[in-house]
Protein backbone atom coordinates (compact mmCIF):
# COMPACT_ATOMS: atom_id res chain seq x y z
CA MET A 1 129.31 156.49 114.94
CA HIS A 2 130.65 158.21 111.84
CA PRO A 3 134.34 158.35 110.84
CA THR A 4 136.11 161.65 111.40
CA THR A 5 139.48 163.07 110.44
CA THR A 6 140.88 161.68 113.68
CA ASP A 7 140.43 158.21 112.14
CA ALA A 8 142.78 159.07 109.26
CA PRO A 9 145.89 157.37 110.73
CA ALA A 10 143.99 154.13 111.32
CA LEU A 11 142.56 154.29 107.80
CA ALA A 12 146.04 154.81 106.37
CA GLN A 13 147.35 151.81 108.33
CA LEU A 14 144.53 149.64 107.03
CA ALA A 15 145.16 150.74 103.45
CA ALA A 16 148.88 150.04 103.87
CA LEU A 17 148.10 146.41 104.73
CA LEU A 18 146.70 145.87 101.24
CA ALA A 19 149.26 148.10 99.51
CA ASP A 20 151.49 145.12 98.80
CA THR A 21 151.05 142.59 96.00
CA THR A 22 151.82 139.56 98.15
CA ARG A 23 149.40 140.52 100.92
CA ALA A 24 146.74 141.38 98.34
CA ARG A 25 147.18 137.96 96.72
CA PHE A 26 146.72 136.29 100.09
CA CYS A 27 143.46 138.15 100.73
CA LEU A 28 142.11 137.44 97.26
CA ALA A 29 142.89 133.73 97.61
CA LEU A 30 141.12 133.63 100.98
CA LEU A 31 137.92 134.95 99.41
CA ASP A 32 136.99 131.30 98.85
CA GLY A 33 136.00 131.22 102.52
CA ARG A 34 138.37 128.38 103.42
CA ALA A 35 141.22 128.33 105.91
CA TRP A 36 144.57 128.00 104.12
CA THR A 37 147.89 126.94 105.55
CA ALA A 38 150.76 129.40 105.42
CA GLY A 39 152.55 127.08 103.00
CA GLU A 40 149.59 126.98 100.61
CA LEU A 41 149.38 130.76 100.60
CA ALA A 42 153.13 131.05 100.02
CA ARG A 43 152.91 128.79 96.97
CA THR A 44 149.89 130.65 95.63
CA ALA A 45 151.69 133.99 95.90
CA GLY A 46 154.99 132.57 94.62
CA VAL A 47 157.02 133.67 97.64
CA ALA A 48 159.28 131.93 100.13
CA ALA A 49 157.77 130.57 103.34
CA SER A 50 159.71 133.09 105.44
CA THR A 51 158.42 135.98 103.32
CA ALA A 52 154.87 134.69 103.53
CA SER A 53 155.11 134.36 107.31
CA GLU A 54 156.18 137.98 107.68
CA HIS A 55 153.30 139.24 105.54
CA LEU A 56 150.76 137.00 107.24
CA ASP A 57 151.85 138.26 110.66
CA GLN A 58 151.15 141.81 109.48
CA LEU A 59 147.68 140.87 108.23
CA VAL A 60 146.86 139.11 111.51
CA ARG A 61 148.10 142.02 113.61
CA GLY A 62 146.09 144.39 111.43
CA GLY A 63 142.90 142.45 112.00
CA LEU A 64 142.32 141.35 108.41
CA LEU A 65 143.16 137.69 109.07
CA VAL A 66 142.76 135.31 111.97
CA GLN A 67 144.88 132.25 112.54
CA GLU A 68 144.59 128.87 114.20
CA ARG A 69 147.36 126.37 114.84
CA GLN A 70 146.85 122.64 114.53
CA GLY A 71 150.01 120.67 115.17
CA ARG A 72 152.74 121.95 112.87
CA HIS A 73 150.31 123.77 110.61
CA ARG A 74 149.17 127.34 110.81
CA TYR A 75 145.76 127.96 109.25
CA LEU A 76 144.62 131.42 108.23
CA ARG A 77 141.32 132.84 107.05
CA LEU A 78 139.73 136.24 106.57
CA ALA A 79 138.74 137.67 109.93
CA ASP A 80 135.03 138.05 109.14
CA PRO A 81 132.58 138.73 106.29
CA SER A 82 133.19 142.48 106.47
CA VAL A 83 136.83 141.92 105.48
CA ALA A 84 135.70 139.80 102.54
CA GLN A 85 133.30 142.59 101.55
CA LEU A 86 136.13 145.13 101.71
CA VAL A 87 138.47 143.03 99.56
CA GLU A 88 135.80 142.24 96.97
CA ASP A 89 134.70 145.90 96.82
CA LEU A 90 138.27 147.02 96.24
CA ALA A 91 138.77 144.35 93.58
CA GLY A 92 135.62 145.59 91.86
CA ARG A 93 137.09 149.09 91.67
CA VAL A 94 140.39 148.07 90.09
CA ALA A 95 139.70 144.98 87.98
CA GLY A 96 140.28 145.75 84.32
CA THR A 97 139.69 143.89 81.10
CA PRO A 98 141.90 140.79 81.08
CA GLY A 99 144.44 140.41 78.32
CA PRO A 100 144.48 137.50 75.87
CA THR A 101 144.93 134.08 77.42
CA ARG A 102 147.33 131.78 75.61
CA SER A 103 146.33 128.58 77.39
CA LEU A 104 142.97 126.93 76.73
CA ARG A 105 143.01 125.55 80.26
CA ALA A 106 143.58 129.02 81.72
CA ALA A 107 140.91 130.51 79.48
CA ARG A 108 138.38 127.95 80.64
CA ALA A 109 139.33 128.48 84.28
CA ASN A 110 138.95 132.26 83.93
CA ALA A 111 135.58 131.83 82.22
CA ALA A 112 134.35 129.49 84.95
CA LEU A 113 135.46 131.94 87.65
CA ALA A 114 133.72 134.84 85.90
CA TYR A 115 130.50 132.86 85.43
CA ALA A 116 129.97 131.58 88.97
CA ARG A 117 132.10 131.67 92.10
CA THR A 118 131.83 132.27 95.79
CA CYS A 119 132.70 135.67 97.21
CA TYR A 120 133.65 134.42 100.68
CA ASP A 121 130.28 132.80 101.47
CA HIS A 122 127.85 134.19 98.89
CA LEU A 123 127.29 133.72 95.17
CA ALA A 124 129.16 135.97 92.75
CA GLY A 125 129.97 136.18 89.06
CA ARG A 126 127.48 136.38 86.21
CA LEU A 127 125.23 133.83 87.90
CA GLY A 128 125.25 135.80 91.15
CA VAL A 129 124.24 138.97 89.30
CA LEU A 130 121.45 137.08 87.48
CA VAL A 131 120.08 135.80 90.80
CA HIS A 132 120.29 139.29 92.32
CA ASP A 133 118.40 140.84 89.40
CA ALA A 134 115.78 138.06 89.28
CA LEU A 135 114.96 138.48 92.96
CA LEU A 136 114.39 142.19 92.39
CA ASP A 137 112.43 141.70 89.14
CA ARG A 138 110.08 139.18 90.77
CA GLY A 139 109.46 141.46 93.73
CA LEU A 140 111.04 139.03 96.17
CA VAL A 141 113.52 141.71 97.21
CA ASP A 142 112.76 145.41 97.25
CA ARG A 143 115.19 148.31 97.47
CA THR A 144 112.72 151.04 98.45
CA GLY A 145 114.38 152.50 101.50
CA GLY A 146 117.15 149.88 101.35
CA LEU A 147 117.35 146.23 100.36
CA ALA A 148 114.76 144.08 102.12
CA LEU A 149 112.86 140.83 101.62
CA THR A 150 109.22 141.33 100.73
CA ARG A 151 106.33 139.21 101.97
CA ALA A 152 106.52 137.30 98.70
CA GLY A 153 110.25 136.91 99.25
CA LEU A 154 109.70 135.40 102.69
CA ASP A 155 107.18 132.94 101.22
CA TRP A 156 109.71 132.09 98.50
CA CYS A 157 112.29 131.29 101.17
CA VAL A 158 109.82 128.94 102.87
CA ASP A 159 109.22 127.14 99.57
CA LEU A 160 112.98 126.81 99.11
CA GLY A 161 113.48 125.51 102.64
CA LEU A 162 115.69 128.51 103.36
CA PRO A 163 115.55 129.85 106.94
CA VAL A 164 115.92 133.63 106.95
CA PRO A 165 118.59 134.66 109.46
CA ALA A 166 117.08 136.63 112.34
CA PRO A 167 118.63 140.11 112.74
CA GLN A 168 119.50 139.44 116.38
CA THR A 169 121.54 136.35 115.45
CA THR A 170 124.05 138.12 113.22
CA ARG A 171 125.96 141.39 113.12
CA ARG A 172 125.85 141.36 109.31
CA PRO A 173 123.26 143.25 107.27
CA LEU A 174 120.56 140.85 106.10
CA LEU A 175 120.86 141.94 102.48
CA ARG A 176 123.54 144.03 100.85
CA ASP A 177 124.74 144.85 97.35
CA CYS A 178 128.30 143.71 96.63
CA LEU A 179 129.96 145.07 93.50
CA ASP A 180 130.98 142.15 91.32
CA TRP A 181 134.51 142.65 90.01
CA THR A 182 133.92 140.76 86.75
CA GLU A 183 130.39 141.96 85.96
CA ARG A 184 130.79 145.46 87.40
CA ARG A 185 127.24 145.15 88.70
CA PRO A 186 125.99 144.09 92.14
CA HIS A 187 125.41 140.58 93.37
CA LEU A 188 123.73 139.85 96.69
CA SER A 189 125.70 139.52 99.91
CA GLY A 190 124.86 139.85 103.59
CA ALA A 191 123.51 137.13 105.88
CA PHE A 192 120.73 136.28 103.40
CA GLY A 193 123.15 136.07 100.47
CA ALA A 194 125.30 133.64 102.46
CA ALA A 195 122.30 131.56 103.52
CA LEU A 196 120.99 131.41 99.94
CA CYS A 197 124.33 130.25 98.55
CA GLY A 198 124.57 127.60 101.24
CA ARG A 199 121.05 126.38 100.51
CA LEU A 200 121.72 126.10 96.76
CA LEU A 201 124.78 123.99 97.56
CA ASP A 202 122.83 121.83 100.02
CA LEU A 203 120.10 121.24 97.42
CA GLY A 204 122.71 120.12 94.93
CA TRP A 205 121.73 122.86 92.50
CA LEU A 206 125.27 124.21 92.78
CA ALA A 207 128.47 122.22 93.18
CA ARG A 208 131.93 123.41 94.10
CA GLY A 209 134.71 123.36 91.55
CA ASP A 210 138.35 124.42 91.82
CA GLY A 211 139.08 127.18 94.28
CA ARG A 212 136.22 129.68 94.37
CA VAL A 213 134.46 128.29 91.29
CA VAL A 214 130.96 126.86 91.59
CA ARG A 215 128.86 125.40 88.79
CA LEU A 216 125.22 124.71 88.13
CA THR A 217 124.49 121.00 88.20
CA PRO A 218 122.37 119.34 85.48
CA ASP A 219 119.41 119.18 87.89
CA GLY A 220 120.18 122.56 89.42
CA ALA A 221 119.98 124.61 86.24
CA PRO A 222 116.28 123.98 85.49
CA ALA A 223 115.38 123.98 89.18
CA LEU A 224 116.97 127.37 89.83
CA ALA A 225 115.50 128.80 86.63
CA ALA A 226 112.02 127.67 87.69
CA ALA A 227 112.48 129.07 91.21
CA LEU A 228 113.47 132.46 89.78
CA GLY A 229 110.95 132.50 86.93
CA LEU A 230 113.68 132.45 84.29
CA SER A 231 114.30 130.36 81.22
CA PRO A 232 117.03 127.72 81.68
CA ALA A 233 118.83 129.19 78.67
CA SER A 234 119.26 132.50 80.51
CA LEU A 235 121.37 130.73 83.13
CA ALA A 236 123.59 128.93 80.65
CA PRO A 237 127.31 129.69 80.86
CA PRO A 238 128.77 131.55 77.87
CA ALA A 239 130.45 129.61 75.08
CA ALA A 240 133.98 128.38 75.72
CA PRO A 241 136.43 131.24 75.09
CA ALA A 242 138.98 131.31 72.32
CA THR A 243 142.65 131.76 73.14
CA GLY A 244 145.34 133.86 71.65
CA GLY A 245 147.39 130.84 70.55
CA GLY A 246 149.86 128.57 72.30
CA ARG A 247 149.35 125.13 73.73
CA ALA A 248 146.52 124.01 75.96
């Protein structure tokens, strides 16, 4: 079923949900795939609890968030992976070059986020793009007629101990390009992208950091490089950034 002009009002309503800085901040924060309390989201966005509650109600009614109550707490998360894809795609269209960072701590945090992070449940950042490109270069994924795992790719998954999600078990595409908002190039999403990220975490090749940040572990860097046919140096994070002055 293809969208028509009769869907314009619904499209406008959806766009209006994200046409507010506070609501956009909530959705970007929730890209880490976790459930956040309303209070945590309020503090992240720098707004009062009452203001946050009003905005969160709108996002829930609009279908972008779902909520669950446990005791006094109200937990919220993105409604499904398609919402995460929408938010990340929009962020990729508008993200510009960041200005100078005056705090060394902030500069390091920004660099870590740009290098490797989760985009909801799949790997993003420079590392995510490198993995995406390596899978294509090695012929493990092919884009002739659309992204798909090759026979060699299926064998690679077996070697990695990575079960490939069966199409009938998920409504998500198996493989999909997701525009990376820092690299401005695609990383890999879809059910396979999520399964791959989860497997790298389970193997201990990746470890979670603050928020959405993930990092290659000392054992994970050479192991992932070998699995992708890359040199370990190609996966190394960039040098620590300089700041524009000020205190760390």
